[in-house]
Amino acid sequence: MKITFATMVDKPRYYLGAALFGLLLSFDSIAQDADVVFVVDTSGSMATEVTAFSSYINSEFVAPILDAQINLRMVLIGSSSICIPPPSGNCDCVNDSSPPLYLHVATEVGGNDVLTKTLTTIDQWRTRLRAGSQ
């Protein structure tokens, strides 16, 4: 399993594209598994970035991965105020998970507690990760 940390400061569309590029470069053949965990800072100062993340996640990240025939599973750790539209989510802000592609672990995340929230919620999403995935 490969773990990569990336910080999305002020250009969510750019960072989603860069994350996609890095993920695709890690594959040596088509139709592999990719498990991705996003931890999103939803503190007040990040409102614009959270909106952009929700707007671009499908077009800039999910669609190209699925088009490349990569079997994607995605976990989002962040506030229930984040609503991911279809095809990943179902736009229900209370519970927008859409298994098996997407699981939303609803918890408030601040800029200083990303690692803590990742570790304290691991029992809620650990089973989503597959052995041998990128």
C-alpha atoms as a PDB file:
ATOM      1  CA  MET A   1       0.000   0.000   0.000  1.00  0.00           C
ATOM      2  CA  LYS A   2       1.315   3.448  -0.896  1.00  0.00           C
ATOM      3  CA  ILE A   3       0.505   6.431   1.316  1.00  0.00           C
ATOM      4  CA  THR A   4       0.935   9.913  -0.102  1.00  0.00           C
ATOM      5  CA  PHE A   5       0.147  13.178   1.643  1.00  0.00           C
ATOM      6  CA  ALA A   6      -0.674  16.252  -0.411  1.00  0.00           C
ATOM      7  CA  THR A   7      -1.762  19.679   0.720  1.00  0.00           C
ATOM      8  CA  MET A   8      -4.451  21.563  -1.131  1.00  0.00           C
ATOM      9  CA  VAL A   9      -3.952  25.201  -0.209  1.00  0.00           C
ATOM     10  CA  ASP A  10      -5.571  27.575  -2.669  1.00  0.00           C
ATOM     11  CA  LYS A  11      -5.997  25.728  -5.955  1.00  0.00           C
ATOM     12  CA  PRO A  12      -8.193  22.635  -5.437  1.00  0.00           C
ATOM     13  CA  ARG A  13      -8.594  22.047  -9.173  1.00  0.00           C
ATOM     14  CA  TYR A  14      -4.824  22.111  -9.688  1.00  0.00           C
ATOM     15  CA  TYR A  15      -4.145  19.784  -6.772  1.00  0.00           C
ATOM     16  CA  LEU A  16      -6.841  17.311  -7.818  1.00  0.00           C
ATOM     17  CA  GLY A  17      -5.261  17.226 -11.270  1.00  0.00           C
ATOM     18  CA  ALA A  18      -1.793  16.777  -9.784  1.00  0.00           C
ATOM     19  CA  ALA A  19      -3.035  14.009  -7.481  1.00  0.00           C
ATOM     20  CA  LEU A  20      -4.605  12.279 -10.476  1.00  0.00           C
ATOM     21  CA  PHE A  21      -1.415  12.634 -12.504  1.00  0.00           C
ATOM     22  CA  GLY A  22       0.674  11.167  -9.672  1.00  0.00           C
ATOM     23  CA  LEU A  23      -1.758   8.289  -9.188  1.00  0.00           C
ATOM     24  CA  LEU A  24      -1.861   7.416 -12.881  1.00  0.00           C
ATOM     25  CA  LEU A  25       1.946   7.507 -13.085  1.00  0.00           C
ATOM     26  CA  SER A  26       2.124   4.884 -10.339  1.00  0.00           C
ATOM     27  CA  PHE A  27       0.348   2.262 -12.473  1.00  0.00           C
ATOM     28  CA  ASP A  28       2.246  -0.039 -14.767  1.00  0.00           C
ATOM     29  CA  SER A  29      -0.835  -1.611 -16.347  1.00  0.00           C
ATOM     30  CA  ILE A  30      -4.536  -0.938 -16.800  1.00  0.00           C
ATOM     31  CA  ALA A  31      -7.376  -2.170 -14.589  1.00  0.00           C
ATOM     32  CA  GLN A  32      -5.648  -2.006 -11.243  1.00  0.00           C
ATOM     33  CA  ASP A  33      -7.144  -0.981  -7.924  1.00  0.00           C
ATOM     34  CA  ALA A  34      -6.734   2.495  -6.431  1.00  0.00           C
ATOM     35  CA  ASP A  35      -7.880   3.412  -2.937  1.00  0.00           C
ATOM     36  CA  VAL A  36      -7.767   7.125  -2.187  1.00  0.00           C
ATOM     37  CA  VAL A  37      -8.430   8.853   1.135  1.00  0.00           C
ATOM     38  CA  PHE A  38      -9.112  12.594   1.109  1.00  0.00           C
ATOM     39  CA  VAL A  39      -9.012  14.468   4.419  1.00  0.00           C
ATOM     40  CA  VAL A  40     -10.546  17.900   3.908  1.00  0.00           C
ATOM     41  CA  ASP A  41     -10.038  20.874   6.227  1.00  0.00           C
ATOM     42  CA  THR A  42     -13.524  22.295   6.620  1.00  0.00           C
ATOM     43  CA  SER A  43     -12.692  25.170   8.960  1.00  0.00           C
ATOM     44  CA  GLY A  44     -14.299  28.506   8.110  1.00  0.00           C
ATOM     45  CA  SER A  45     -11.296  29.885   6.261  1.00  0.00           C
ATOM     46  CA  MET A  46     -11.452  26.994   3.778  1.00  0.00           C
ATOM     47  CA  ALA A  47     -15.050  27.526   2.556  1.00  0.00           C
ATOM     48  CA  THR A  48     -14.018  28.519  -0.979  1.00  0.00           C
ATOM     49  CA  GLU A  49     -11.651  25.551  -1.284  1.00  0.00           C
ATOM     50  CA  VAL A  50     -14.263  23.101   0.019  1.00  0.00           C
ATOM     51  CA  THR A  51     -16.765  24.357  -2.561  1.00  0.00           C
ATOM     52  CA  ALA A  52     -14.167  24.011  -5.321  1.00  0.00           C
ATOM     53  CA  PHE A  53     -13.213  20.522  -4.131  1.00  0.00           C
ATOM     54  CA  SER A  54     -16.861  19.438  -4.306  1.00  0.00           C
ATOM     55  CA  SER A  55     -17.229  20.995  -7.752  1.00  0.00           C
ATOM     56  CA  TYR A  56     -14.095  19.488  -9.291  1.00  0.00           C
ATOM     57  CA  ILE A  57     -13.689  16.083  -7.640  1.00  0.00           C
ATOM     58  CA  ASN A  58     -15.674  14.230 -10.307  1.00  0.00           C
ATOM     59  CA  SER A  59     -14.434  15.991 -13.445  1.00  0.00           C
ATOM     60  CA  GLU A  60     -10.779  16.455 -12.464  1.00  0.00           C
ATOM     61  CA  PHE A  61     -10.148  13.264 -10.482  1.00  0.00           C
ATOM     62  CA  VAL A  62     -12.815  10.549 -10.587  1.00  0.00           C
ATOM     63  CA  ALA A  63     -13.780  10.618 -14.288  1.00  0.00           C
ATOM     64  CA  PRO A  64     -10.220  10.293 -15.649  1.00  0.00           C
ATOM     65  CA  ILE A  65      -9.489   7.410 -13.269  1.00  0.00           C
ATOM     66  CA  LEU A  66     -12.634   5.540 -14.241  1.00  0.00           C
ATOM     67  CA  ASP A  67     -11.964   6.289 -17.923  1.00  0.00           C
ATOM     68  CA  ALA A  68      -8.552   4.652 -17.493  1.00  0.00           C
ATOM     69  CA  GLN A  69     -10.372   1.517 -16.279  1.00  0.00           C
ATOM     70  CA  ILE A  70      -8.903   1.786 -12.797  1.00  0.00           C
ATOM     71  CA  ASN A  71     -11.054   0.308 -10.053  1.00  0.00           C
ATOM     72  CA  LEU A  72     -11.392   3.293  -7.692  1.00  0.00           C
ATOM     73  CA  ARG A  73     -12.533   3.404  -4.096  1.00  0.00           C
ATOM     74  CA  MET A  74     -12.574   6.787  -2.459  1.00  0.00           C
ATOM     75  CA  VAL A  75     -12.943   7.850   1.176  1.00  0.00           C
ATOM     76  CA  LEU A  76     -13.617  11.432   2.210  1.00  0.00           C
ATOM     77  CA  ILE A  77     -13.000  12.468   5.803  1.00  0.00           C
ATOM     78  CA  GLY A  78     -14.586  15.859   6.382  1.00  0.00           C
ATOM     79  CA  SER A  79     -17.641  17.751   7.500  1.00  0.00           C
ATOM     80  CA  SER A  80     -21.124  16.623   6.506  1.00  0.00           C
ATOM     81  CA  SER A  81     -21.424  20.046   4.839  1.00  0.00           C
ATOM     82  CA  ILE A  82     -19.348  18.670   1.945  1.00  0.00           C
ATOM     83  CA  CYS A  83     -21.727  17.378  -0.707  1.00  0.00           C
ATOM     84  CA  ILE A  84     -20.231  15.375  -3.548  1.00  0.00           C
ATOM     85  CA  PRO A  85     -22.478  15.145  -6.614  1.00  0.00           C
ATOM     86  CA  PRO A  86     -23.024  11.991  -8.664  1.00  0.00           C
ATOM     87  CA  PRO A  87     -21.439   9.851  -9.970  1.00  0.00           C
ATOM     88  CA  SER A  88     -19.303   9.673  -6.824  1.00  0.00           C
ATOM     89  CA  GLY A  89     -21.725  10.883  -4.181  1.00  0.00           C
ATOM     90  CA  ASN A  90     -25.466  11.208  -4.147  1.00  0.00           C
ATOM     91  CA  CYS A  91     -25.697  14.914  -3.143  1.00  0.00           C
ATOM     92  CA  ASP A  92     -27.440  14.088   0.141  1.00  0.00           C
ATOM     93  CA  CYS A  93     -25.412  16.251   2.519  1.00  0.00           C
ATOM     94  CA  VAL A  94     -26.458  14.177   5.525  1.00  0.00           C
ATOM     95  CA  ASN A  95     -25.202  10.928   3.992  1.00  0.00           C
ATOM     96  CA  ASP A  96     -23.770  11.308   0.511  1.00  0.00           C
ATOM     97  CA  SER A  97     -21.862   8.011   0.520  1.00  0.00           C
ATOM     98  CA  SER A  98     -22.327   5.904  -2.568  1.00  0.00           C
ATOM     99  CA  PRO A  99     -20.723   2.475  -2.069  1.00  0.00           C
ATOM    100  CA  PRO A 100     -18.622   0.873  -3.359  1.00  0.00           C
ATOM    101  CA  LEU A 101     -17.065   3.916  -5.062  1.00  0.00           C
ATOM    102  CA  TYR A 102     -17.359   6.507  -2.310  1.00  0.00           C
ATOM    103  CA  LEU A 103     -17.579   6.611   1.490  1.00  0.00           C
ATOM    104  CA  HIS A 104     -17.984   9.885   3.382  1.00  0.00           C
ATOM    105  CA  VAL A 105     -16.836   9.820   7.015  1.00  0.00           C
ATOM    106  CA  ALA A 106     -18.569  12.895   8.405  1.00  0.00           C
ATOM    107  CA  THR A 107     -16.433  14.683  10.990  1.00  0.00           C
ATOM    108  CA  GLU A 108     -15.262  18.249  11.408  1.00  0.00           C
ATOM    109  CA  VAL A 109     -11.625  18.652  10.362  1.00  0.00           C
ATOM    110  CA  GLY A 110      -9.510  21.701  11.127  1.00  0.00           C
ATOM    111  CA  GLY A 111      -6.178  22.634   9.625  1.00  0.00           C
ATOM    112  CA  ASN A 112      -4.256  21.452  12.676  1.00  0.00           C
ATOM    113  CA  ASP A 113      -5.937  18.097  13.220  1.00  0.00           C
ATOM    114  CA  VAL A 114      -5.817  16.348   9.837  1.00  0.00           C
ATOM    115  CA  LEU A 115      -3.596  13.500  11.038  1.00  0.00           C
ATOM    116  CA  THR A 116      -5.536  13.121  14.298  1.00  0.00           C
ATOM    117  CA  LYS A 117      -8.865  12.908  12.463  1.00  0.00           C
ATOM    118  CA  THR A 118      -7.400  10.418   9.995  1.00  0.00           C
ATOM    119  CA  LEU A 119      -6.271   8.137  12.803  1.00  0.00           C
ATOM    120  CA  THR A 120      -9.322   8.520  15.062  1.00  0.00           C
ATOM    121  CA  THR A 121     -11.723   7.619  12.249  1.00  0.00           C
ATOM    122  CA  ILE A 122      -9.692   4.739  10.803  1.00  0.00           C
ATOM    123  CA  ASP A 123     -12.085   2.064  12.096  1.00  0.00           C
ATOM    124  CA  GLN A 124     -14.856   3.676  10.028  1.00  0.00           C
ATOM    125  CA  TRP A 125     -12.996   3.412   6.718  1.00  0.00           C
ATOM    126  CA  ARG A 126     -10.151   0.898   7.065  1.00  0.00           C
ATOM    127  CA  THR A 127     -12.177  -1.928   5.491  1.00  0.00           C
ATOM    128  CA  ARG A 128     -12.491   0.161   2.299  1.00  0.00           C
ATOM    129  CA  LEU A 129      -8.757  -0.257   1.594  1.00  0.00           C
ATOM    130  CA  ARG A 130      -7.778  -3.321  -0.388  1.00  0.00           C
ATOM    131  CA  ALA A 131      -4.577  -5.298  -0.160  1.00  0.00           C
ATOM    132  CA  GLY A 132      -2.374  -4.525  -3.145  1.00  0.00           C
ATOM    133  CA  SER A 133      -4.114  -1.293  -4.153  1.00  0.00           C
ATOM    134  CA  GLN A 134      -2.117   1.804  -5.110  1.00  0.00           C
END
